[in-house]
Amino acid sequence: MVIEYIRYTIPEDTRDGFEAAHARAADALRESPYCLSYELSRCEEDPSAYVLRIQWESRSAHLVAVRRGPHVGRFFEAIEPYVSAIQEMRRYQVTRVAAVCSPLPMGHAKDQARP
């Protein structure tokens, strides 16, 4: 498995269009047999900063998808107006340092939301 991270800086006046373009582009990722998951996140401290995380089956599957598959081409076609806003696009391998955490029961969380 390989994780691709794409970092963007998006001006405030284009954020709605950016998110809508990625919602359309997500159809192409869903249809790719090599894409396992994806998510688009916006930074709470700096709302102009976004990260797209795509989990690919493997590095070789990702390269095949990019070079020969129609899905990634359709993905980039949907987000084309925002490609120049890409700050970084890199692939990462997951290490053995990982865990799935379970939340504390209600009433025990330190920063529990207040009504």
N, C-alpha and C. Protein backbone atom coordinates (compact mmCIF):
# COMPACT_ATOMS: atom_id res chain seq x y z
N MET A 1 0.84 -1.17 0.00
CA MET A 1 0.00 0.00 0.00
C MET A 1 0.89 1.24 0.00
N VAL A 2 0.43 2.29 -0.67
CA VAL A 2 1.14 3.57 -0.71
C VAL A 2 0.09 4.67 -0.53
N ILE A 3 0.49 5.71 0.20
CA ILE A 3 -0.40 6.84 0.45
C ILE A 3 0.15 8.04 -0.31
N GLU A 4 -0.70 8.65 -1.10
CA GLU A 4 -0.32 9.88 -1.82
C GLU A 4 -0.94 11.06 -1.10
N TYR A 5 -0.11 12.07 -0.82
CA TYR A 5 -0.59 13.30 -0.22
C TYR A 5 -0.39 14.43 -1.22
N ILE A 6 -1.45 15.19 -1.45
CA ILE A 6 -1.38 16.35 -2.33
C ILE A 6 -1.79 17.55 -1.49
N ARG A 7 -0.85 18.48 -1.30
CA ARG A 7 -1.13 19.69 -0.52
C ARG A 7 -1.43 20.86 -1.46
N TYR A 8 -2.47 21.62 -1.11
CA TYR A 8 -2.90 22.78 -1.89
C TYR A 8 -2.97 24.01 -1.00
N THR A 9 -2.82 25.18 -1.61
CA THR A 9 -3.18 26.45 -0.98
C THR A 9 -4.25 27.07 -1.87
N ILE A 10 -5.45 27.26 -1.28
CA ILE A 10 -6.62 27.70 -2.05
C ILE A 10 -7.15 29.02 -1.48
N PRO A 11 -7.19 30.08 -2.28
CA PRO A 11 -7.74 31.36 -1.82
C PRO A 11 -9.22 31.22 -1.42
N GLU A 12 -9.64 32.05 -0.49
CA GLU A 12 -11.00 31.98 0.06
C GLU A 12 -12.08 32.03 -1.01
N ASP A 13 -11.91 32.88 -2.01
CA ASP A 13 -12.97 33.06 -3.01
C ASP A 13 -13.12 31.88 -3.98
N THR A 14 -12.21 30.90 -3.92
CA THR A 14 -12.32 29.75 -4.82
C THR A 14 -12.52 28.42 -4.07
N ARG A 15 -12.67 28.47 -2.76
CA ARG A 15 -12.76 27.23 -1.96
C ARG A 15 -13.99 26.40 -2.27
N ASP A 16 -15.14 27.05 -2.46
CA ASP A 16 -16.36 26.28 -2.78
C ASP A 16 -16.19 25.54 -4.10
N GLY A 17 -15.65 26.21 -5.11
CA GLY A 17 -15.42 25.58 -6.41
C GLY A 17 -14.39 24.46 -6.31
N PHE A 18 -13.35 24.68 -5.50
CA PHE A 18 -12.31 23.68 -5.29
C PHE A 18 -12.91 22.40 -4.69
N GLU A 19 -13.69 22.56 -3.63
CA GLU A 19 -14.30 21.40 -2.99
C GLU A 19 -15.29 20.71 -3.92
N ALA A 20 -16.06 21.47 -4.68
CA ALA A 20 -17.00 20.88 -5.64
C ALA A 20 -16.25 20.11 -6.73
N ALA A 21 -15.13 20.65 -7.20
CA ALA A 21 -14.34 19.97 -8.23
C ALA A 21 -13.80 18.65 -7.69
N HIS A 22 -13.37 18.64 -6.44
CA HIS A 22 -12.86 17.39 -5.86
C HIS A 22 -13.99 16.39 -5.60
N ALA A 23 -15.16 16.87 -5.32
CA ALA A 23 -16.31 15.94 -5.18
C ALA A 23 -16.58 15.26 -6.53
N ARG A 24 -16.50 16.03 -7.62
CA ARG A 24 -16.68 15.43 -8.96
C ARG A 24 -15.53 14.49 -9.29
N ALA A 25 -14.32 14.90 -8.96
CA ALA A 25 -13.12 14.10 -9.25
C ALA A 25 -13.14 12.79 -8.47
N ALA A 26 -13.79 12.79 -7.32
CA ALA A 26 -13.85 11.59 -6.48
C ALA A 26 -14.52 10.43 -7.21
N ASP A 27 -15.43 10.72 -8.13
CA ASP A 27 -16.07 9.64 -8.91
C ASP A 27 -15.02 8.83 -9.65
N ALA A 28 -14.04 9.50 -10.24
CA ALA A 28 -12.99 8.79 -10.98
C ALA A 28 -12.15 7.94 -10.03
N LEU A 29 -11.86 8.45 -8.84
CA LEU A 29 -11.08 7.66 -7.88
C LEU A 29 -11.87 6.44 -7.42
N ARG A 30 -13.17 6.61 -7.16
CA ARG A 30 -14.01 5.49 -6.74
C ARG A 30 -14.04 4.38 -7.78
N GLU A 31 -13.97 4.75 -9.04
CA GLU A 31 -14.03 3.78 -10.13
C GLU A 31 -12.70 3.10 -10.40
N SER A 32 -11.61 3.65 -9.89
CA SER A 32 -10.30 3.06 -10.13
C SER A 32 -10.13 1.79 -9.30
N PRO A 33 -9.74 0.70 -9.93
CA PRO A 33 -9.53 -0.53 -9.16
C PRO A 33 -8.30 -0.46 -8.27
N TYR A 34 -7.47 0.57 -8.43
CA TYR A 34 -6.24 0.70 -7.66
C TYR A 34 -6.37 1.62 -6.44
N CYS A 35 -7.42 2.42 -6.40
CA CYS A 35 -7.63 3.36 -5.31
C CYS A 35 -8.41 2.67 -4.19
N LEU A 36 -7.83 2.67 -2.98
CA LEU A 36 -8.48 2.02 -1.84
C LEU A 36 -9.32 3.01 -1.02
N SER A 37 -8.87 4.25 -0.91
CA SER A 37 -9.61 5.27 -0.18
C SER A 37 -9.06 6.65 -0.53
N TYR A 38 -9.80 7.67 -0.17
CA TYR A 38 -9.36 9.04 -0.39
C TYR A 38 -10.11 9.94 0.58
N GLU A 39 -9.54 11.10 0.88
CA GLU A 39 -10.22 12.11 1.68
C GLU A 39 -9.58 13.46 1.42
N LEU A 40 -10.40 14.48 1.42
CA LEU A 40 -9.93 15.85 1.29
C LEU A 40 -10.15 16.53 2.64
N SER A 41 -9.09 17.11 3.19
CA SER A 41 -9.17 17.77 4.49
C SER A 41 -8.74 19.22 4.36
N ARG A 42 -9.39 20.07 5.19
CA ARG A 42 -9.04 21.49 5.23
C ARG A 42 -8.46 21.79 6.62
N CYS A 43 -7.42 22.58 6.68
CA CYS A 43 -6.74 22.92 7.92
C CYS A 43 -7.61 23.85 8.76
N GLU A 44 -7.77 23.54 10.03
CA GLU A 44 -8.55 24.39 10.93
C GLU A 44 -7.84 25.71 11.23
N GLU A 45 -6.52 25.67 11.38
CA GLU A 45 -5.77 26.88 11.70
C GLU A 45 -5.57 27.79 10.49
N ASP A 46 -5.52 27.21 9.30
CA ASP A 46 -5.31 27.98 8.07
C ASP A 46 -6.26 27.42 7.01
N PRO A 47 -7.47 27.96 6.90
CA PRO A 47 -8.47 27.40 5.97
C PRO A 47 -8.07 27.41 4.50
N SER A 48 -6.98 28.07 4.14
CA SER A 48 -6.52 28.04 2.74
C SER A 48 -5.72 26.77 2.45
N ALA A 49 -5.34 26.04 3.50
CA ALA A 49 -4.50 24.84 3.35
C ALA A 49 -5.38 23.58 3.30
N TYR A 50 -5.22 22.82 2.24
CA TYR A 50 -5.94 21.56 2.06
C TYR A 50 -4.94 20.44 1.83
N VAL A 51 -5.34 19.22 2.21
CA VAL A 51 -4.56 18.03 1.92
C VAL A 51 -5.51 16.97 1.36
N LEU A 52 -5.16 16.44 0.21
CA LEU A 52 -5.88 15.30 -0.36
C LEU A 52 -5.04 14.07 -0.08
N ARG A 53 -5.65 13.08 0.55
CA ARG A 53 -4.97 11.82 0.89
C ARG A 53 -5.61 10.72 0.05
N ILE A 54 -4.79 10.04 -0.75
CA ILE A 54 -5.28 8.93 -1.58
C ILE A 54 -4.48 7.69 -1.21
N GLN A 55 -5.19 6.64 -0.86
CA GLN A 55 -4.55 5.37 -0.53
C GLN A 55 -4.63 4.47 -1.76
N TRP A 56 -3.46 4.10 -2.28
CA TRP A 56 -3.37 3.26 -3.47
C TRP A 56 -2.99 1.84 -3.05
N GLU A 57 -3.40 0.89 -3.85
CA GLU A 57 -3.11 -0.53 -3.59
C GLU A 57 -1.62 -0.78 -3.43
N SER A 58 -0.82 -0.18 -4.29
CA SER A 58 0.64 -0.32 -4.25
C SER A 58 1.25 0.79 -5.08
N ARG A 59 2.55 0.95 -4.97
CA ARG A 59 3.25 1.95 -5.78
C ARG A 59 3.11 1.62 -7.27
N SER A 60 3.30 0.35 -7.61
CA SER A 60 3.20 -0.02 -9.03
C SER A 60 1.78 0.15 -9.54
N ALA A 61 0.78 -0.16 -8.72
CA ALA A 61 -0.61 0.03 -9.15
C ALA A 61 -0.90 1.51 -9.35
N HIS A 62 -0.36 2.35 -8.47
CA HIS A 62 -0.54 3.79 -8.62
C HIS A 62 0.08 4.28 -9.92
N LEU A 63 1.29 3.81 -10.22
CA LEU A 63 1.96 4.23 -11.46
C LEU A 63 1.20 3.75 -12.69
N VAL A 64 0.67 2.54 -12.65
CA VAL A 64 -0.14 2.04 -13.77
C VAL A 64 -1.40 2.91 -13.91
N ALA A 65 -2.04 3.21 -12.79
CA ALA A 65 -3.25 4.03 -12.82
C ALA A 65 -2.97 5.40 -13.43
N VAL A 66 -1.84 5.99 -13.05
CA VAL A 66 -1.50 7.33 -13.53
C VAL A 66 -1.11 7.30 -15.00
N ARG A 67 -0.33 6.32 -15.39
CA ARG A 67 0.21 6.31 -16.76
C ARG A 67 -0.73 5.71 -17.80
N ARG A 68 -1.56 4.75 -17.40
CA ARG A 68 -2.36 4.04 -18.40
C ARG A 68 -3.86 4.04 -18.15
N GLY A 69 -4.26 4.31 -16.94
CA GLY A 69 -5.68 4.20 -16.63
C GLY A 69 -6.45 5.47 -16.95
N PRO A 70 -7.71 5.34 -17.32
CA PRO A 70 -8.53 6.51 -17.64
C PRO A 70 -9.00 7.26 -16.39
N HIS A 71 -8.96 6.61 -15.24
CA HIS A 71 -9.54 7.19 -14.04
C HIS A 71 -8.77 8.40 -13.53
N VAL A 72 -7.46 8.30 -13.47
CA VAL A 72 -6.66 9.41 -12.96
C VAL A 72 -6.70 10.58 -13.94
N GLY A 73 -6.75 10.29 -15.23
CA GLY A 73 -6.91 11.36 -16.22
C GLY A 73 -8.20 12.13 -16.01
N ARG A 74 -9.28 11.41 -15.72
CA ARG A 74 -10.57 12.06 -15.45
C ARG A 74 -10.51 12.83 -14.14
N PHE A 75 -9.77 12.31 -13.17
CA PHE A 75 -9.58 13.01 -11.90
C PHE A 75 -8.92 14.37 -12.15
N PHE A 76 -7.80 14.38 -12.87
CA PHE A 76 -7.08 15.63 -13.13
C PHE A 76 -7.87 16.56 -14.04
N GLU A 77 -8.66 16.02 -14.91
CA GLU A 77 -9.53 16.86 -15.74
C GLU A 77 -10.51 17.64 -14.86
N ALA A 78 -11.07 16.99 -13.85
CA ALA A 78 -12.04 17.64 -12.96
C ALA A 78 -11.40 18.73 -12.11
N ILE A 79 -10.14 18.51 -11.68
CA ILE A 79 -9.49 19.49 -10.79
C ILE A 79 -8.54 20.42 -11.54
N GLU A 80 -8.53 20.38 -12.86
CA GLU A 80 -7.58 21.13 -13.68
C GLU A 80 -7.45 22.60 -13.28
N PRO A 81 -8.52 23.32 -12.96
CA PRO A 81 -8.34 24.73 -12.59
C PRO A 81 -7.52 24.94 -11.32
N TYR A 82 -7.32 23.88 -10.54
CA TYR A 82 -6.65 24.00 -9.24
C TYR A 82 -5.27 23.33 -9.21
N VAL A 83 -4.83 22.77 -10.33
CA VAL A 83 -3.53 22.09 -10.37
C VAL A 83 -2.39 23.06 -10.05
N SER A 84 -2.51 24.30 -10.47
CA SER A 84 -1.45 25.27 -10.18
C SER A 84 -1.37 25.61 -8.69
N ALA A 85 -2.39 25.26 -7.91
CA ALA A 85 -2.39 25.52 -6.47
C ALA A 85 -1.73 24.39 -5.68
N ILE A 86 -1.28 23.34 -6.38
CA ILE A 86 -0.62 22.23 -5.70
C ILE A 86 0.75 22.70 -5.19
N GLN A 87 0.96 22.51 -3.89
CA GLN A 87 2.23 22.87 -3.26
C GLN A 87 3.17 21.67 -3.19
N GLU A 88 2.59 20.49 -3.08
CA GLU A 88 3.39 19.27 -2.95
C GLU A 88 2.53 18.07 -3.34
N MET A 89 3.16 17.10 -3.99
CA MET A 89 2.49 15.86 -4.36
C MET A 89 3.53 14.75 -4.18
N ARG A 90 3.32 13.93 -3.13
CA ARG A 90 4.30 12.88 -2.82
C ARG A 90 3.60 11.61 -2.38
N ARG A 91 4.32 10.49 -2.55
CA ARG A 91 3.83 9.18 -2.10
C ARG A 91 4.61 8.76 -0.85
N TYR A 92 3.91 8.15 0.08
CA TYR A 92 4.52 7.70 1.33
C TYR A 92 4.16 6.25 1.60
N GLN A 93 5.08 5.53 2.22
CA GLN A 93 4.83 4.17 2.69
C GLN A 93 4.43 4.24 4.15
N VAL A 94 3.42 3.48 4.53
CA VAL A 94 3.02 3.41 5.93
C VAL A 94 4.06 2.59 6.68
N THR A 95 4.44 3.06 7.86
CA THR A 95 5.40 2.34 8.68
C THR A 95 4.66 1.43 9.66
N ARG A 96 5.40 0.70 10.46
CA ARG A 96 4.79 -0.16 11.48
C ARG A 96 4.27 0.63 12.67
N VAL A 97 4.58 1.92 12.72
CA VAL A 97 4.12 2.76 13.81
C VAL A 97 2.74 3.28 13.44
N ALA A 98 1.73 2.54 13.86
CA ALA A 98 0.35 2.89 13.52
C ALA A 98 -0.59 2.23 14.51
N ALA A 99 -1.75 2.78 14.67
CA ALA A 99 -2.75 2.20 15.56
C ALA A 99 -4.12 2.71 15.17
N VAL A 100 -5.13 1.96 15.52
CA VAL A 100 -6.51 2.40 15.43
C VAL A 100 -6.92 2.69 16.86
N CYS A 101 -7.31 3.91 17.13
CA CYS A 101 -7.64 4.32 18.50
C CYS A 101 -9.15 4.32 18.70
N SER A 102 -9.56 3.97 19.88
CA SER A 102 -10.99 4.03 20.19
C SER A 102 -11.23 5.20 21.12
N PRO A 103 -12.31 5.91 20.92
CA PRO A 103 -12.59 7.08 21.76
C PRO A 103 -12.97 6.66 23.18
N LEU A 104 -12.74 7.57 24.11
CA LEU A 104 -13.18 7.33 25.48
C LEU A 104 -14.70 7.36 25.53
N PRO A 105 -15.31 6.68 26.48
CA PRO A 105 -16.77 6.74 26.62
C PRO A 105 -17.22 8.18 26.87
N MET A 106 -18.43 8.51 26.45
CA MET A 106 -18.98 9.86 26.66
C MET A 106 -18.88 10.22 28.13
N GLY A 107 -18.53 11.46 28.40
CA GLY A 107 -18.40 11.93 29.77
C GLY A 107 -16.99 11.79 30.30
N HIS A 108 -16.10 11.13 29.56
CA HIS A 108 -14.73 10.93 30.03
C HIS A 108 -13.70 11.68 29.18
N ALA A 109 -14.11 12.21 28.06
CA ALA A 109 -13.16 12.91 27.18
C ALA A 109 -12.76 14.23 27.82
N LYS A 110 -11.46 14.54 27.77
CA LYS A 110 -10.94 15.75 28.40
C LYS A 110 -11.48 17.02 27.74
N ASP A 111 -11.54 17.01 26.41
CA ASP A 111 -12.00 18.23 25.74
C ASP A 111 -13.41 18.03 25.16
N GLN A 112 -14.25 17.46 25.94
CA GLN A 112 -15.64 17.19 25.52
C GLN A 112 -16.34 18.50 25.16
N ALA A 113 -17.11 18.46 24.09
CA ALA A 113 -17.85 19.66 23.66
C ALA A 113 -18.87 20.05 24.72
N ARG A 114 -18.99 21.32 24.96
CA ARG A 114 -19.96 21.85 25.93
C ARG A 114 -21.18 22.38 25.18
N PRO A 115 -22.38 22.17 25.73
CA PRO A 115 -23.59 22.67 25.06
C PRO A 115 -23.65 24.18 25.05
